[in-house]
Amino acid sequence: MNRKYAILVDGGFLKKKLKVKNRHFPTAAEIEAEITRIKVNPILSDHSLLRVYFYDAPPASGLVKNPISAVEIDLARNGHFSENIALHQALELQPDVALRMGETIVHGWELGHAALKDIEANGARAVTERDFIPNIEQKGVDLRIGLDIARLAIRQLVDTIVVVTGDSDMVPAFKFARREGLRVYLDHLSHGVKRELKAHVDLVL
């Protein structure tokens, strides 16, 4: 019997891990190399690939005004906007890869991590424009991963799923998939994860 598997990639998680490892924004080739590493794992040698699902959200865009200086910043000209767009477009053209895109919402401004650490270490001080960063939230990414896990399980489209994530919010979806008879493999890229996440999979790659 021809057994099938699918790879589900938490794109935000994988991008962060590769950026730390390689010290630059990840390329499509680097993403593909991680996917290939999973494909050639001997434990999947008797399976055929259904599809790779890559979950992410578009980069934030629009104008935001700094609460201290009142200077407007174009988010599309900051950060890794163009690199993210290029990455998504490149992955869309890869064989057997499907992008699942959530939403990106800007909730004004918040004190940045560096500013908070400085204040904690050195005591209260006046804040400056450099202390604030846009408060950007990705929505719907985890939901889409969970829905696809449920769909793959209920329709019995695959026998095994490999999920690349470090997010313990996936535990309910993992439990559901296993109850429906799927084998669930986790690849957390050596990231420190909660024991609960590893306890509710069949194998950690």
C-alpha atoms as a PDB file:
ATOM      1  CA  MET A   1       0.000   0.000   0.000  1.00  0.00           C
ATOM      2  CA  ASN A   2       1.331   3.445  -0.967  1.00  0.00           C
ATOM      3  CA  ARG A   3       1.511   5.513   2.192  1.00  0.00           C
ATOM      4  CA  LYS A   4       1.460   9.296   1.935  1.00  0.00           C
ATOM      5  CA  TYR A   5       2.692  12.154   4.049  1.00  0.00           C
ATOM      6  CA  ALA A   6       2.455  15.931   4.109  1.00  0.00           C
ATOM      7  CA  ILE A   7       4.857  18.530   5.501  1.00  0.00           C
ATOM      8  CA  LEU A   8       3.348  21.508   7.310  1.00  0.00           C
ATOM      9  CA  VAL A   9       5.781  24.363   7.915  1.00  0.00           C
ATOM     10  CA  ASP A  10       5.234  27.208  10.367  1.00  0.00           C
ATOM     11  CA  GLY A  11       6.899  29.795   8.138  1.00  0.00           C
ATOM     12  CA  GLY A  12       7.429  32.454  10.790  1.00  0.00           C
ATOM     13  CA  PHE A  13       9.132  29.919  13.064  1.00  0.00           C
ATOM     14  CA  LEU A  14      11.368  28.535  10.310  1.00  0.00           C
ATOM     15  CA  LYS A  15      12.366  32.005   9.090  1.00  0.00           C
ATOM     16  CA  LYS A  16      13.402  33.065  12.595  1.00  0.00           C
ATOM     17  CA  LYS A  17      15.482  29.938  13.133  1.00  0.00           C
ATOM     18  CA  LEU A  18      17.250  30.279   9.783  1.00  0.00           C
ATOM     19  CA  LYS A  19      17.882  33.989  10.326  1.00  0.00           C
ATOM     20  CA  VAL A  20      19.634  33.257  13.628  1.00  0.00           C
ATOM     21  CA  LYS A  21      21.575  30.361  12.116  1.00  0.00           C
ATOM     22  CA  ASN A  22      22.695  32.085   8.898  1.00  0.00           C
ATOM     23  CA  ARG A  23      22.664  35.711  10.130  1.00  0.00           C
ATOM     24  CA  HIS A  24      20.620  36.961   7.203  1.00  0.00           C
ATOM     25  CA  PHE A  25      17.040  36.865   6.021  1.00  0.00           C
ATOM     26  CA  PRO A  26      16.430  33.343   4.665  1.00  0.00           C
ATOM     27  CA  THR A  27      16.278  32.653   0.951  1.00  0.00           C
ATOM     28  CA  ALA A  28      13.880  30.321  -0.832  1.00  0.00           C
ATOM     29  CA  ALA A  29      16.823  27.971  -1.447  1.00  0.00           C
ATOM     30  CA  GLU A  30      17.505  27.750   2.291  1.00  0.00           C
ATOM     31  CA  ILE A  31      13.849  27.037   2.991  1.00  0.00           C
ATOM     32  CA  GLU A  32      13.859  24.358   0.299  1.00  0.00           C
ATOM     33  CA  ALA A  33      16.998  22.799   1.802  1.00  0.00           C
ATOM     34  CA  GLU A  34      15.204  22.354   5.125  1.00  0.00           C
ATOM     35  CA  ILE A  35      12.220  20.790   3.369  1.00  0.00           C
ATOM     36  CA  THR A  36      14.505  18.448   1.421  1.00  0.00           C
ATOM     37  CA  ARG A  37      16.224  17.421   4.674  1.00  0.00           C
ATOM     38  CA  ILE A  38      12.841  16.185   5.881  1.00  0.00           C
ATOM     39  CA  LYS A  39      11.950  14.497   2.598  1.00  0.00           C
ATOM     40  CA  VAL A  40      15.106  12.349   2.612  1.00  0.00           C
ATOM     41  CA  ASN A  41      14.684  11.199   6.210  1.00  0.00           C
ATOM     42  CA  PRO A  42      14.800   7.374   6.120  1.00  0.00           C
ATOM     43  CA  ILE A  43      11.654   7.109   8.231  1.00  0.00           C
ATOM     44  CA  LEU A  44       9.705   8.515   5.263  1.00  0.00           C
ATOM     45  CA  SER A  45      11.358   6.323   2.636  1.00  0.00           C
ATOM     46  CA  ASP A  46       8.233   4.182   2.147  1.00  0.00           C
ATOM     47  CA  HIS A  47       5.954   7.242   1.871  1.00  0.00           C
ATOM     48  CA  SER A  48       5.155   9.487  -1.076  1.00  0.00           C
ATOM     49  CA  LEU A  49       4.723  13.213  -0.629  1.00  0.00           C
ATOM     50  CA  LEU A  50       1.265  14.683  -1.010  1.00  0.00           C
ATOM     51  CA  ARG A  51       2.254  18.334  -0.582  1.00  0.00           C
ATOM     52  CA  VAL A  52       4.269  20.834   1.434  1.00  0.00           C
ATOM     53  CA  TYR A  53       2.133  23.494   3.122  1.00  0.00           C
ATOM     54  CA  PHE A  54       3.941  26.703   4.066  1.00  0.00           C
ATOM     55  CA  TYR A  55       2.106  28.971   6.508  1.00  0.00           C
ATOM     56  CA  ASP A  56       2.971  32.636   6.838  1.00  0.00           C
ATOM     57  CA  ALA A  57       1.480  36.116   6.677  1.00  0.00           C
ATOM     58  CA  PRO A  58       2.264  38.999   4.318  1.00  0.00           C
ATOM     59  CA  PRO A  59       4.666  41.632   5.664  1.00  0.00           C
ATOM     60  CA  ALA A  60       3.126  44.710   7.254  1.00  0.00           C
ATOM     61  CA  SER A  61       2.582  47.748   5.043  1.00  0.00           C
ATOM     62  CA  GLY A  62       1.109  51.225   5.355  1.00  0.00           C
ATOM     63  CA  LEU A  63       2.095  54.440   7.125  1.00  0.00           C
ATOM     64  CA  VAL A  64       2.493  54.648  10.900  1.00  0.00           C
ATOM     65  CA  LYS A  65       3.337  57.759  12.938  1.00  0.00           C
ATOM     66  CA  ASN A  66       5.883  57.565  15.739  1.00  0.00           C
ATOM     67  CA  PRO A  67       4.141  58.572  19.014  1.00  0.00           C
ATOM     68  CA  ILE A  68       7.118  60.646  20.215  1.00  0.00           C
ATOM     69  CA  SER A  69       8.493  62.342  17.113  1.00  0.00           C
ATOM     70  CA  ALA A  70       5.285  62.202  15.002  1.00  0.00           C
ATOM     71  CA  VAL A  71       7.464  61.134  12.074  1.00  0.00           C
ATOM     72  CA  GLU A  72       5.617  58.890   9.612  1.00  0.00           C
ATOM     73  CA  ILE A  73       7.233  55.598   8.669  1.00  0.00           C
ATOM     74  CA  ASP A  74       6.362  53.588   5.584  1.00  0.00           C
ATOM     75  CA  LEU A  75       6.438  49.958   6.737  1.00  0.00           C
ATOM     76  CA  ALA A  76       6.887  48.764   3.158  1.00  0.00           C
ATOM     77  CA  ARG A  77      10.281  50.514   3.136  1.00  0.00           C
ATOM     78  CA  ASN A  78      11.446  49.116   6.456  1.00  0.00           C
ATOM     79  CA  GLY A  79      12.448  45.722   7.764  1.00  0.00           C
ATOM     80  CA  HIS A  80      12.314  42.816   5.325  1.00  0.00           C
ATOM     81  CA  PHE A  81       9.234  43.757   3.318  1.00  0.00           C
ATOM     82  CA  SER A  82      10.701  43.126  -0.152  1.00  0.00           C
ATOM     83  CA  GLU A  83      12.568  40.005   0.973  1.00  0.00           C
ATOM     84  CA  ASN A  84       9.353  38.511   2.381  1.00  0.00           C
ATOM     85  CA  ILE A  85       7.428  39.229  -0.812  1.00  0.00           C
ATOM     86  CA  ALA A  86      10.202  37.699  -2.934  1.00  0.00           C
ATOM     87  CA  LEU A  87      10.354  34.645  -0.683  1.00  0.00           C
ATOM     88  CA  HIS A  88       6.616  34.015  -0.890  1.00  0.00           C
ATOM     89  CA  GLN A  89       6.615  34.431  -4.668  1.00  0.00           C
ATOM     90  CA  ALA A  90       9.532  32.016  -5.054  1.00  0.00           C
ATOM     91  CA  LEU A  91       7.972  29.368  -2.820  1.00  0.00           C
ATOM     92  CA  GLU A  92       4.661  29.589  -4.702  1.00  0.00           C
ATOM     93  CA  LEU A  93       6.437  28.368  -7.832  1.00  0.00           C
ATOM     94  CA  GLN A  94       8.089  25.369  -6.189  1.00  0.00           C
ATOM     95  CA  PRO A  95       6.674  21.931  -7.075  1.00  0.00           C
ATOM     96  CA  ASP A  96       4.244  20.464  -4.559  1.00  0.00           C
ATOM     97  CA  VAL A  97       4.301  23.582  -2.356  1.00  0.00           C
ATOM     98  CA  ALA A  98       1.147  25.421  -1.305  1.00  0.00           C
ATOM     99  CA  LEU A  99       1.195  28.710   0.591  1.00  0.00           C
ATOM    100  CA  ARG A 100      -1.379  29.303   3.296  1.00  0.00           C
ATOM    101  CA  MET A 101      -1.427  32.999   4.138  1.00  0.00           C
ATOM    102  CA  GLY A 102      -2.819  34.605   7.264  1.00  0.00           C
ATOM    103  CA  GLU A 103      -3.238  38.314   7.937  1.00  0.00           C
ATOM    104  CA  THR A 104      -0.981  41.037   9.300  1.00  0.00           C
ATOM    105  CA  ILE A 105      -2.444  43.730  11.537  1.00  0.00           C
ATOM    106  CA  VAL A 106      -0.670  46.814  12.900  1.00  0.00           C
ATOM    107  CA  HIS A 107      -1.802  47.807  16.403  1.00  0.00           C
ATOM    108  CA  GLY A 108      -0.007  51.130  16.740  1.00  0.00           C
ATOM    109  CA  TRP A 109       3.247  51.218  18.722  1.00  0.00           C
ATOM    110  CA  GLU A 110       4.847  49.517  21.721  1.00  0.00           C
ATOM    111  CA  LEU A 111       8.065  49.745  23.720  1.00  0.00           C
ATOM    112  CA  GLY A 112      10.693  47.617  22.037  1.00  0.00           C
ATOM    113  CA  HIS A 113      12.426  44.692  23.745  1.00  0.00           C
ATOM    114  CA  ALA A 114      15.757  46.538  23.900  1.00  0.00           C
ATOM    115  CA  ALA A 115      14.140  49.563  25.598  1.00  0.00           C
ATOM    116  CA  LEU A 116      12.374  47.371  28.162  1.00  0.00           C
ATOM    117  CA  LYS A 117      15.609  45.553  29.012  1.00  0.00           C
ATOM    118  CA  ASP A 118      17.452  48.868  29.392  1.00  0.00           C
ATOM    119  CA  ILE A 119      14.787  50.272  31.722  1.00  0.00           C
ATOM    120  CA  GLU A 120      14.731  47.073  33.783  1.00  0.00           C
ATOM    121  CA  ALA A 121      18.512  47.142  34.105  1.00  0.00           C
ATOM    122  CA  ASN A 122      19.063  50.856  34.683  1.00  0.00           C
ATOM    123  CA  GLY A 123      15.804  52.131  36.152  1.00  0.00           C
ATOM    124  CA  ALA A 124      13.142  54.526  34.980  1.00  0.00           C
ATOM    125  CA  ARG A 125      14.057  57.113  32.369  1.00  0.00           C
ATOM    126  CA  ALA A 126      12.395  59.263  29.745  1.00  0.00           C
ATOM    127  CA  VAL A 127      11.472  57.318  26.626  1.00  0.00           C
ATOM    128  CA  THR A 128      12.606  58.430  23.177  1.00  0.00           C
ATOM    129  CA  GLU A 129      11.343  57.840  19.666  1.00  0.00           C
ATOM    130  CA  ARG A 130      13.891  55.048  19.213  1.00  0.00           C
ATOM    131  CA  ASP A 131      12.365  53.124  22.112  1.00  0.00           C
ATOM    132  CA  PHE A 132       9.115  52.486  20.242  1.00  0.00           C
ATOM    133  CA  ILE A 133       8.503  49.917  17.519  1.00  0.00           C
ATOM    134  CA  PRO A 134       5.351  49.141  15.510  1.00  0.00           C
ATOM    135  CA  ASN A 135       3.147  46.552  17.220  1.00  0.00           C
ATOM    136  CA  ILE A 136       2.593  44.058  14.416  1.00  0.00           C
ATOM    137  CA  GLU A 137       0.473  40.928  14.845  1.00  0.00           C
ATOM    138  CA  GLN A 138       0.055  37.939  12.572  1.00  0.00           C
ATOM    139  CA  LYS A 139      -3.443  36.464  12.676  1.00  0.00           C
ATOM    140  CA  GLY A 140      -4.903  33.269  11.308  1.00  0.00           C
ATOM    141  CA  VAL A 141      -1.658  31.359  10.746  1.00  0.00           C
ATOM    142  CA  ASP A 142      -2.086  28.866  13.620  1.00  0.00           C
ATOM    143  CA  LEU A 143      -5.751  28.507  12.712  1.00  0.00           C
ATOM    144  CA  ARG A 144      -4.897  27.546   9.145  1.00  0.00           C
ATOM    145  CA  ILE A 145      -2.370  24.965  10.326  1.00  0.00           C
ATOM    146  CA  GLY A 146      -4.946  23.452  12.662  1.00  0.00           C
ATOM    147  CA  LEU A 147      -7.660  23.370  10.006  1.00  0.00           C
ATOM    148  CA  ASP A 148      -5.369  21.669   7.496  1.00  0.00           C
ATOM    149  CA  ILE A 149      -4.328  19.070  10.069  1.00  0.00           C
ATOM    150  CA  ALA A 150      -8.008  18.345  10.732  1.00  0.00           C
ATOM    151  CA  ARG A 151      -8.815  18.172   7.009  1.00  0.00           C
ATOM    152  CA  LEU A 152      -5.922  15.814   6.274  1.00  0.00           C
ATOM    153  CA  ALA A 153      -6.970  13.589   9.159  1.00  0.00           C
ATOM    154  CA  ILE A 154     -10.726  13.486   8.557  1.00  0.00           C
ATOM    155  CA  ARG A 155     -10.433  12.920   4.820  1.00  0.00           C
ATOM    156  CA  GLN A 156      -7.579  10.435   5.330  1.00  0.00           C
ATOM    157  CA  LEU A 157      -5.521  12.128   2.620  1.00  0.00           C
ATOM    158  CA  VAL A 158      -2.264  11.088   4.275  1.00  0.00           C
ATOM    159  CA  ASP A 159      -1.022   8.586   6.819  1.00  0.00           C
ATOM    160  CA  THR A 160       1.632  10.857   8.340  1.00  0.00           C
ATOM    161  CA  ILE A 161       2.173  14.568   8.845  1.00  0.00           C
ATOM    162  CA  VAL A 162       5.481  16.243   9.604  1.00  0.00           C
ATOM    163  CA  VAL A 163       4.999  19.587  11.334  1.00  0.00           C
ATOM    164  CA  VAL A 164       7.832  22.119  11.546  1.00  0.00           C
ATOM    165  CA  THR A 165       7.041  24.318  14.534  1.00  0.00           C
ATOM    166  CA  GLY A 166       7.942  25.189  18.095  1.00  0.00           C
ATOM    167  CA  ASP A 167       4.462  26.365  19.041  1.00  0.00           C
ATOM    168  CA  SER A 168       2.739  24.455  21.831  1.00  0.00           C
ATOM    169  CA  ASP A 169      -0.605  25.873  20.624  1.00  0.00           C
ATOM    170  CA  MET A 170      -0.496  23.017  18.098  1.00  0.00           C
ATOM    171  CA  VAL A 171      -1.060  20.405  20.812  1.00  0.00           C
ATOM    172  CA  PRO A 172      -4.894  20.203  20.398  1.00  0.00           C
ATOM    173  CA  ALA A 173      -4.489  19.714  16.632  1.00  0.00           C
ATOM    174  CA  PHE A 174      -1.863  17.022  17.212  1.00  0.00           C
ATOM    175  CA  LYS A 175      -4.151  15.211  19.649  1.00  0.00           C
ATOM    176  CA  PHE A 176      -7.018  15.314  17.147  1.00  0.00           C
ATOM    177  CA  ALA A 177      -4.858  13.994  14.297  1.00  0.00           C
ATOM    178  CA  ARG A 178      -3.599  11.082  16.375  1.00  0.00           C
ATOM    179  CA  ARG A 179      -7.116  10.189  17.502  1.00  0.00           C
ATOM    180  CA  GLU A 180      -8.082  10.044  13.813  1.00  0.00           C
ATOM    181  CA  GLY A 181      -5.249   7.600  13.119  1.00  0.00           C
ATOM    182  CA  LEU A 182      -2.538   9.852  11.694  1.00  0.00           C
ATOM    183  CA  ARG A 183       1.060   9.558  12.748  1.00  0.00           C
ATOM    184  CA  VAL A 184       2.395  12.973  13.764  1.00  0.00           C
ATOM    185  CA  TYR A 185       6.102  13.784  13.498  1.00  0.00           C
ATOM    186  CA  LEU A 186       7.565  16.988  14.919  1.00  0.00           C
ATOM    187  CA  ASP A 187      10.608  18.905  13.691  1.00  0.00           C
ATOM    188  CA  HIS A 188      11.349  21.725  16.134  1.00  0.00           C
ATOM    189  CA  LEU A 189      14.812  22.488  14.700  1.00  0.00           C
ATOM    190  CA  SER A 190      16.446  21.947  18.102  1.00  0.00           C
ATOM    191  CA  HIS A 191      14.463  24.874  19.481  1.00  0.00           C
ATOM    192  CA  GLY A 192      13.600  24.714  23.158  1.00  0.00           C
ATOM    193  CA  VAL A 193       9.949  23.643  23.273  1.00  0.00           C
ATOM    194  CA  LYS A 194       7.525  22.656  26.014  1.00  0.00           C
ATOM    195  CA  ARG A 195       7.503  18.992  26.960  1.00  0.00           C
ATOM    196  CA  GLU A 196       3.770  18.894  26.151  1.00  0.00           C
ATOM    197  CA  LEU A 197       4.483  19.546  22.473  1.00  0.00           C
ATOM    198  CA  LYS A 198       6.824  16.550  22.248  1.00  0.00           C
ATOM    199  CA  ALA A 199       4.562  14.344  24.349  1.00  0.00           C
ATOM    200  CA  HIS A 200       1.686  14.504  21.851  1.00  0.00           C
ATOM    201  CA  VAL A 201       3.566  13.440  18.713  1.00  0.00           C
ATOM    202  CA  ASP A 202       4.674  10.003  17.588  1.00  0.00           C
ATOM    203  CA  LEU A 203       8.247  11.008  16.823  1.00  0.00           C
ATOM    204  CA  VAL A 204      10.548  14.000  17.111  1.00  0.00           C
ATOM    205  CA  LEU A 205      12.769  14.159  14.037  1.00  0.00           C
END
